[in-house]
């Protein structure tokens, strides 16, 4: 997982450029961080994505998507919450 500075960079880019390009850049940065942390001997397992979507009128929505059963997604989200809390 990328360090805290990655989250700070995201705020600077907010609302700029093509949304697809922005999302692909975030995914590419995550893959770079995974390769740095885990080397070559890994597989990608379950994936949960959470994207904040800001509409032109200022309304904000969340898009949550996962490639597994809901109870696995909830467990991953709970673990992620504890992981982020430990970094604070």
C-alpha atoms as a PDB file:
ATOM      1  CA  UNK A   1       0.000   0.000   0.000  1.00  0.00           C
ATOM      2  CA  UNK A   2       1.271   3.452  -0.810  1.00  0.00           C
ATOM      3  CA  UNK A   3       2.400   5.670   2.034  1.00  0.00           C
ATOM      4  CA  UNK A   4       0.539   8.659   3.419  1.00  0.00           C
ATOM      5  CA  UNK A   5       2.084  10.976   0.864  1.00  0.00           C
ATOM      6  CA  UNK A   6       0.097   9.233  -1.882  1.00  0.00           C
ATOM      7  CA  UNK A   7      -3.150  10.408  -0.280  1.00  0.00           C
ATOM      8  CA  UNK A   8      -1.842  13.958  -0.082  1.00  0.00           C
ATOM      9  CA  UNK A   9      -0.969  13.937  -3.788  1.00  0.00           C
ATOM     10  CA  UNK A  10      -4.502  12.830  -4.605  1.00  0.00           C
ATOM     11  CA  UNK A  11      -5.948  16.015  -3.134  1.00  0.00           C
ATOM     12  CA  UNK A  12      -3.724  18.141  -5.380  1.00  0.00           C
ATOM     13  CA  UNK A  13      -5.034  16.378  -8.511  1.00  0.00           C
ATOM     14  CA  UNK A  14      -8.663  16.430  -7.436  1.00  0.00           C
ATOM     15  CA  UNK A  15     -10.992  17.619 -10.174  1.00  0.00           C
ATOM     16  CA  UNK A  16      -8.280  17.894 -12.803  1.00  0.00           C
ATOM     17  CA  UNK A  17      -8.106  16.133 -16.145  1.00  0.00           C
ATOM     18  CA  UNK A  18     -10.003  13.183 -17.498  1.00  0.00           C
ATOM     19  CA  UNK A  19     -11.672  11.019 -14.805  1.00  0.00           C
ATOM     20  CA  UNK A  20     -10.612   7.780 -16.547  1.00  0.00           C
ATOM     21  CA  UNK A  21      -7.009   8.929 -16.685  1.00  0.00           C
ATOM     22  CA  UNK A  22      -7.135   9.870 -13.001  1.00  0.00           C
ATOM     23  CA  UNK A  23      -8.505   6.462 -11.997  1.00  0.00           C
ATOM     24  CA  UNK A  24      -6.001   4.582 -14.178  1.00  0.00           C
ATOM     25  CA  UNK A  25      -3.161   6.635 -12.676  1.00  0.00           C
ATOM     26  CA  UNK A  26      -4.304   5.724  -9.152  1.00  0.00           C
ATOM     27  CA  UNK A  27      -4.432   2.029 -10.073  1.00  0.00           C
ATOM     28  CA  UNK A  28      -0.973   2.217 -11.673  1.00  0.00           C
ATOM     29  CA  UNK A  29       0.431   3.863  -8.526  1.00  0.00           C
ATOM     30  CA  UNK A  30      -1.137   1.137  -6.392  1.00  0.00           C
ATOM     31  CA  UNK A  31       0.445  -1.563  -8.603  1.00  0.00           C
ATOM     32  CA  UNK A  32       3.839   0.147  -8.316  1.00  0.00           C
ATOM     33  CA  UNK A  33       3.483   0.176  -4.524  1.00  0.00           C
ATOM     34  CA  UNK A  34       2.452  -3.501  -4.477  1.00  0.00           C
ATOM     35  CA  UNK A  35       5.447  -4.481  -6.624  1.00  0.00           C
ATOM     36  CA  UNK A  36       7.752  -2.475  -4.356  1.00  0.00           C
ATOM     37  CA  UNK A  37       6.382  -4.082  -1.200  1.00  0.00           C
ATOM     38  CA  UNK A  38       5.912  -7.664  -2.425  1.00  0.00           C
ATOM     39  CA  UNK A  39       8.394  -8.166  -5.280  1.00  0.00           C
ATOM     40  CA  UNK A  40       7.496 -10.578  -8.080  1.00  0.00           C
ATOM     41  CA  UNK A  41       6.137 -13.591  -6.169  1.00  0.00           C
ATOM     42  CA  UNK A  42       2.539 -12.552  -5.528  1.00  0.00           C
ATOM     43  CA  UNK A  43      -0.962 -12.838  -6.912  1.00  0.00           C
ATOM     44  CA  UNK A  44      -3.791 -10.331  -6.664  1.00  0.00           C
ATOM     45  CA  UNK A  45      -6.658 -11.792  -4.653  1.00  0.00           C
ATOM     46  CA  UNK A  46      -9.890 -10.084  -3.746  1.00  0.00           C
ATOM     47  CA  UNK A  47     -10.239  -6.423  -4.736  1.00  0.00           C
ATOM     48  CA  UNK A  48     -12.419  -3.677  -3.254  1.00  0.00           C
ATOM     49  CA  UNK A  49     -12.449  -0.238  -4.862  1.00  0.00           C
ATOM     50  CA  UNK A  50     -13.925   2.869  -3.301  1.00  0.00           C
ATOM     51  CA  UNK A  51     -14.117   5.982  -5.451  1.00  0.00           C
ATOM     52  CA  UNK A  52     -15.388   9.414  -4.454  1.00  0.00           C
ATOM     53  CA  UNK A  53     -17.350  10.872  -7.362  1.00  0.00           C
ATOM     54  CA  UNK A  54     -17.764  14.657  -7.376  1.00  0.00           C
ATOM     55  CA  UNK A  55     -20.471  15.934  -9.688  1.00  0.00           C
ATOM     56  CA  UNK A  56     -20.430  19.390 -11.344  1.00  0.00           C
ATOM     57  CA  UNK A  57     -23.231  20.574  -9.034  1.00  0.00           C
ATOM     58  CA  UNK A  58     -21.103  19.754  -5.977  1.00  0.00           C
ATOM     59  CA  UNK A  59     -22.947  16.586  -4.999  1.00  0.00           C
ATOM     60  CA  UNK A  60     -20.635  13.816  -3.867  1.00  0.00           C
ATOM     61  CA  UNK A  61     -21.251  10.105  -4.226  1.00  0.00           C
ATOM     62  CA  UNK A  62     -19.307   6.953  -3.480  1.00  0.00           C
ATOM     63  CA  UNK A  63     -18.871   4.045  -5.829  1.00  0.00           C
ATOM     64  CA  UNK A  64     -17.964   0.805  -4.037  1.00  0.00           C
ATOM     65  CA  UNK A  65     -17.232  -2.286  -6.060  1.00  0.00           C
ATOM     66  CA  UNK A  66     -15.854  -5.673  -5.123  1.00  0.00           C
ATOM     67  CA  UNK A  67     -15.166  -8.955  -6.870  1.00  0.00           C
ATOM     68  CA  UNK A  68     -16.303 -11.288  -4.064  1.00  0.00           C
ATOM     69  CA  UNK A  69     -19.109 -12.090  -1.669  1.00  0.00           C
ATOM     70  CA  UNK A  70     -20.365  -9.147   0.439  1.00  0.00           C
ATOM     71  CA  UNK A  71     -19.173 -10.658   3.747  1.00  0.00           C
ATOM     72  CA  UNK A  72     -15.620 -10.891   2.401  1.00  0.00           C
ATOM     73  CA  UNK A  73     -15.809  -7.248   1.265  1.00  0.00           C
ATOM     74  CA  UNK A  74     -17.010  -6.179   4.711  1.00  0.00           C
ATOM     75  CA  UNK A  75     -14.142  -8.034   6.380  1.00  0.00           C
ATOM     76  CA  UNK A  76     -11.629  -6.413   4.043  1.00  0.00           C
ATOM     77  CA  UNK A  77     -13.106  -2.972   4.711  1.00  0.00           C
ATOM     78  CA  UNK A  78     -12.941  -3.521   8.485  1.00  0.00           C
ATOM     79  CA  UNK A  79      -9.308  -4.610   8.197  1.00  0.00           C
ATOM     80  CA  UNK A  80      -8.553  -1.583   5.996  1.00  0.00           C
ATOM     81  CA  UNK A  81     -10.141   0.731   8.567  1.00  0.00           C
ATOM     82  CA  UNK A  82      -7.944  -0.684  11.344  1.00  0.00           C
ATOM     83  CA  UNK A  83      -4.894  -0.443   9.079  1.00  0.00           C
ATOM     84  CA  UNK A  84      -5.534   3.244   8.350  1.00  0.00           C
ATOM     85  CA  UNK A  85      -6.297   3.996  12.006  1.00  0.00           C
ATOM     86  CA  UNK A  86      -2.946   2.439  12.980  1.00  0.00           C
ATOM     87  CA  UNK A  87      -1.170   4.814  10.574  1.00  0.00           C
ATOM     88  CA  UNK A  88      -2.698   7.901  12.178  1.00  0.00           C
END
